[in-house]
Amino acid sequence: METFGFRLHVPTLMIHGDEDPLFNMGHAVDLKNTIPYCELIIKKGMGHAIPDSLFSSLVKDISDFIAKTE
């Protein structure tokens, strides 16, 4: 995993659910730490799939990230 992250040299947004049954928080943090310029957003109550109730919140998170990196 370490070599993967070091190949990315662009602003990267990672969104992770705190209730993800497939990849725990440790995996998310480890991956984030291998990618330079990576921002990690933790979504409370989100699992591995994106629930409809978080859709507008995620759109805002992504839009805000894009605005910061332009």
N, C-alpha and C. Protein backbone atom coordinates (compact mmCIF):
# COMPACT_ATOMS: atom_id res chain seq x y z
N MET A 1 0.83 -1.19 0.00
CA MET A 1 0.00 0.00 0.00
C MET A 1 0.88 1.25 0.00
N GLU A 2 2.01 1.21 0.62
CA GLU A 2 2.85 2.39 0.74
C GLU A 2 3.26 2.94 -0.62
N THR A 3 3.67 2.09 -1.54
CA THR A 3 4.12 2.58 -2.84
C THR A 3 2.96 3.16 -3.65
N PHE A 4 1.76 2.65 -3.46
CA PHE A 4 0.59 3.18 -4.17
C PHE A 4 0.39 4.65 -3.84
N GLY A 5 0.37 4.98 -2.58
CA GLY A 5 0.12 6.35 -2.15
C GLY A 5 1.16 7.33 -2.66
N PHE A 6 2.39 6.92 -2.70
CA PHE A 6 3.43 7.83 -3.11
C PHE A 6 3.41 8.12 -4.60
N ARG A 7 2.64 7.38 -5.37
CA ARG A 7 2.49 7.68 -6.79
C ARG A 7 1.46 8.78 -7.02
N LEU A 8 0.61 9.04 -6.06
CA LEU A 8 -0.39 10.09 -6.19
C LEU A 8 0.18 11.40 -5.67
N HIS A 9 0.23 12.38 -6.53
CA HIS A 9 0.75 13.69 -6.13
C HIS A 9 -0.23 14.78 -6.52
N VAL A 10 -1.49 14.50 -6.31
CA VAL A 10 -2.57 15.45 -6.57
C VAL A 10 -3.45 15.50 -5.34
N PRO A 11 -4.16 16.60 -5.13
CA PRO A 11 -5.08 16.64 -4.00
C PRO A 11 -6.08 15.48 -4.10
N THR A 12 -6.25 14.78 -3.00
CA THR A 12 -7.09 13.58 -2.97
C THR A 12 -8.07 13.68 -1.81
N LEU A 13 -9.32 13.39 -2.09
CA LEU A 13 -10.34 13.37 -1.05
C LEU A 13 -10.76 11.92 -0.81
N MET A 14 -10.69 11.50 0.42
CA MET A 14 -11.15 10.16 0.79
C MET A 14 -12.29 10.32 1.79
N ILE A 15 -13.41 9.70 1.48
CA ILE A 15 -14.57 9.73 2.36
C ILE A 15 -14.79 8.32 2.89
N HIS A 16 -14.89 8.21 4.21
CA HIS A 16 -14.99 6.89 4.83
C HIS A 16 -16.09 6.90 5.88
N GLY A 17 -16.86 5.83 5.92
CA GLY A 17 -17.90 5.68 6.93
C GLY A 17 -17.35 5.07 8.20
N ASP A 18 -17.75 5.61 9.34
CA ASP A 18 -17.24 5.08 10.61
C ASP A 18 -17.85 3.72 10.97
N GLU A 19 -18.84 3.28 10.20
CA GLU A 19 -19.44 1.96 10.44
C GLU A 19 -19.21 1.01 9.26
N ASP A 20 -18.16 1.25 8.50
CA ASP A 20 -17.84 0.41 7.35
C ASP A 20 -17.45 -0.99 7.84
N PRO A 21 -18.21 -2.03 7.44
CA PRO A 21 -17.89 -3.38 7.90
C PRO A 21 -16.75 -4.04 7.11
N LEU A 22 -16.39 -3.46 5.97
CA LEU A 22 -15.35 -4.07 5.14
C LEU A 22 -13.96 -3.51 5.42
N PHE A 23 -13.88 -2.20 5.66
CA PHE A 23 -12.61 -1.54 5.91
C PHE A 23 -12.75 -0.69 7.17
N ASN A 24 -12.03 -1.07 8.21
CA ASN A 24 -12.16 -0.34 9.48
C ASN A 24 -11.44 1.00 9.41
N MET A 25 -11.61 1.79 10.45
CA MET A 25 -11.01 3.13 10.49
C MET A 25 -9.49 3.09 10.38
N GLY A 26 -8.89 2.07 10.92
CA GLY A 26 -7.43 1.93 10.82
C GLY A 26 -6.97 1.86 9.38
N HIS A 27 -7.71 1.12 8.56
CA HIS A 27 -7.37 1.04 7.14
C HIS A 27 -7.47 2.42 6.47
N ALA A 28 -8.53 3.14 6.79
CA ALA A 28 -8.72 4.47 6.20
C ALA A 28 -7.58 5.41 6.58
N VAL A 29 -7.22 5.41 7.84
CA VAL A 29 -6.15 6.28 8.32
C VAL A 29 -4.81 5.88 7.71
N ASP A 30 -4.54 4.58 7.65
CA ASP A 30 -3.29 4.10 7.05
C ASP A 30 -3.18 4.53 5.59
N LEU A 31 -4.26 4.37 4.83
CA LEU A 31 -4.25 4.76 3.42
C LEU A 31 -4.07 6.27 3.29
N LYS A 32 -4.80 7.02 4.09
CA LYS A 32 -4.68 8.48 4.06
C LYS A 32 -3.24 8.91 4.31
N ASN A 33 -2.57 8.25 5.23
CA ASN A 33 -1.20 8.61 5.58
C ASN A 33 -0.18 8.25 4.51
N THR A 34 -0.55 7.43 3.54
CA THR A 34 0.37 7.08 2.45
C THR A 34 0.19 7.98 1.24
N ILE A 35 -0.86 8.79 1.22
CA ILE A 35 -1.15 9.63 0.05
C ILE A 35 -0.87 11.10 0.41
N PRO A 36 0.16 11.68 -0.22
CA PRO A 36 0.40 13.10 0.03
C PRO A 36 -0.81 13.93 -0.42
N TYR A 37 -1.07 15.01 0.25
CA TYR A 37 -2.16 15.92 -0.10
C TYR A 37 -3.54 15.26 0.01
N CYS A 38 -3.68 14.32 0.92
CA CYS A 38 -4.95 13.60 1.09
C CYS A 38 -5.74 14.17 2.27
N GLU A 39 -7.01 14.42 2.02
CA GLU A 39 -7.92 14.84 3.08
C GLU A 39 -8.89 13.68 3.35
N LEU A 40 -9.06 13.32 4.59
CA LEU A 40 -9.96 12.24 4.99
C LEU A 40 -11.16 12.84 5.71
N ILE A 41 -12.34 12.52 5.20
CA ILE A 41 -13.58 12.91 5.85
C ILE A 41 -14.25 11.65 6.38
N ILE A 42 -14.57 11.65 7.66
CA ILE A 42 -15.24 10.52 8.29
C ILE A 42 -16.73 10.87 8.40
N LYS A 43 -17.58 9.99 7.87
CA LYS A 43 -19.02 10.19 7.93
C LYS A 43 -19.60 9.28 9.02
N LYS A 44 -20.16 9.92 10.03
CA LYS A 44 -20.78 9.16 11.13
C LYS A 44 -22.03 8.43 10.62
N GLY A 45 -22.13 7.18 11.02
CA GLY A 45 -23.29 6.38 10.68
C GLY A 45 -23.25 5.76 9.28
N MET A 46 -22.22 6.06 8.50
CA MET A 46 -22.13 5.51 7.16
C MET A 46 -21.34 4.21 7.18
N GLY A 47 -21.83 3.23 6.45
CA GLY A 47 -21.13 1.97 6.29
C GLY A 47 -20.30 2.01 5.02
N HIS A 48 -20.29 0.89 4.29
CA HIS A 48 -19.52 0.83 3.05
C HIS A 48 -20.28 1.46 1.89
N ALA A 49 -21.58 1.48 1.98
CA ALA A 49 -22.43 2.09 0.95
C ALA A 49 -22.83 3.49 1.40
N ILE A 50 -23.23 4.31 0.44
CA ILE A 50 -23.65 5.68 0.75
C ILE A 50 -25.17 5.70 0.89
N PRO A 51 -25.67 6.00 2.09
CA PRO A 51 -27.13 6.07 2.26
C PRO A 51 -27.68 7.36 1.64
N ASP A 52 -28.90 7.30 1.16
CA ASP A 52 -29.54 8.47 0.55
C ASP A 52 -29.52 9.67 1.49
N SER A 53 -29.62 9.43 2.78
CA SER A 53 -29.69 10.52 3.75
C SER A 53 -28.40 11.35 3.81
N LEU A 54 -27.29 10.81 3.34
CA LEU A 54 -26.02 11.53 3.36
C LEU A 54 -25.64 12.12 2.01
N PHE A 55 -26.47 11.90 1.00
CA PHE A 55 -26.11 12.32 -0.35
C PHE A 55 -25.81 13.81 -0.44
N SER A 56 -26.70 14.66 0.06
CA SER A 56 -26.48 16.10 -0.06
C SER A 56 -25.26 16.55 0.74
N SER A 57 -25.02 15.93 1.87
CA SER A 57 -23.84 16.24 2.68
C SER A 57 -22.56 15.88 1.93
N LEU A 58 -22.57 14.75 1.24
CA LEU A 58 -21.39 14.33 0.48
C LEU A 58 -21.15 15.25 -0.71
N VAL A 59 -22.23 15.68 -1.36
CA VAL A 59 -22.08 16.61 -2.48
C VAL A 59 -21.41 17.90 -1.99
N LYS A 60 -21.82 18.38 -0.83
CA LYS A 60 -21.20 19.59 -0.26
C LYS A 60 -19.73 19.35 0.07
N ASP A 61 -19.43 18.22 0.69
CA ASP A 61 -18.04 17.90 1.02
C ASP A 61 -17.17 17.89 -0.24
N ILE A 62 -17.66 17.26 -1.29
CA ILE A 62 -16.90 17.16 -2.53
C ILE A 62 -16.77 18.54 -3.18
N SER A 63 -17.83 19.30 -3.20
CA SER A 63 -17.79 20.65 -3.78
C SER A 63 -16.82 21.55 -3.03
N ASP A 64 -16.86 21.48 -1.70
CA ASP A 64 -15.93 22.27 -0.88
C ASP A 64 -14.48 21.88 -1.15
N PHE A 65 -14.24 20.59 -1.28
CA PHE A 65 -12.87 20.11 -1.56
C PHE A 65 -12.40 20.63 -2.91
N ILE A 66 -13.24 20.54 -3.91
CA ILE A 66 -12.87 21.02 -5.25
C ILE A 66 -12.58 22.52 -5.21
N ALA A 67 -13.41 23.26 -4.51
CA ALA A 67 -13.21 24.72 -4.42
C ALA A 67 -11.87 25.05 -3.76
N LYS A 68 -11.47 24.28 -2.76
CA LYS A 68 -10.20 24.51 -2.07
C LYS A 68 -9.00 24.20 -2.95
N THR A 69 -9.17 23.27 -3.88
CA THR A 69 -8.02 22.81 -4.66
C THR A 69 -7.89 23.49 -6.02
N GLU A 70 -8.86 24.33 -6.36
CA GLU A 70 -8.79 25.01 -7.67
C GLU A 70 -7.81 26.15 -7.64
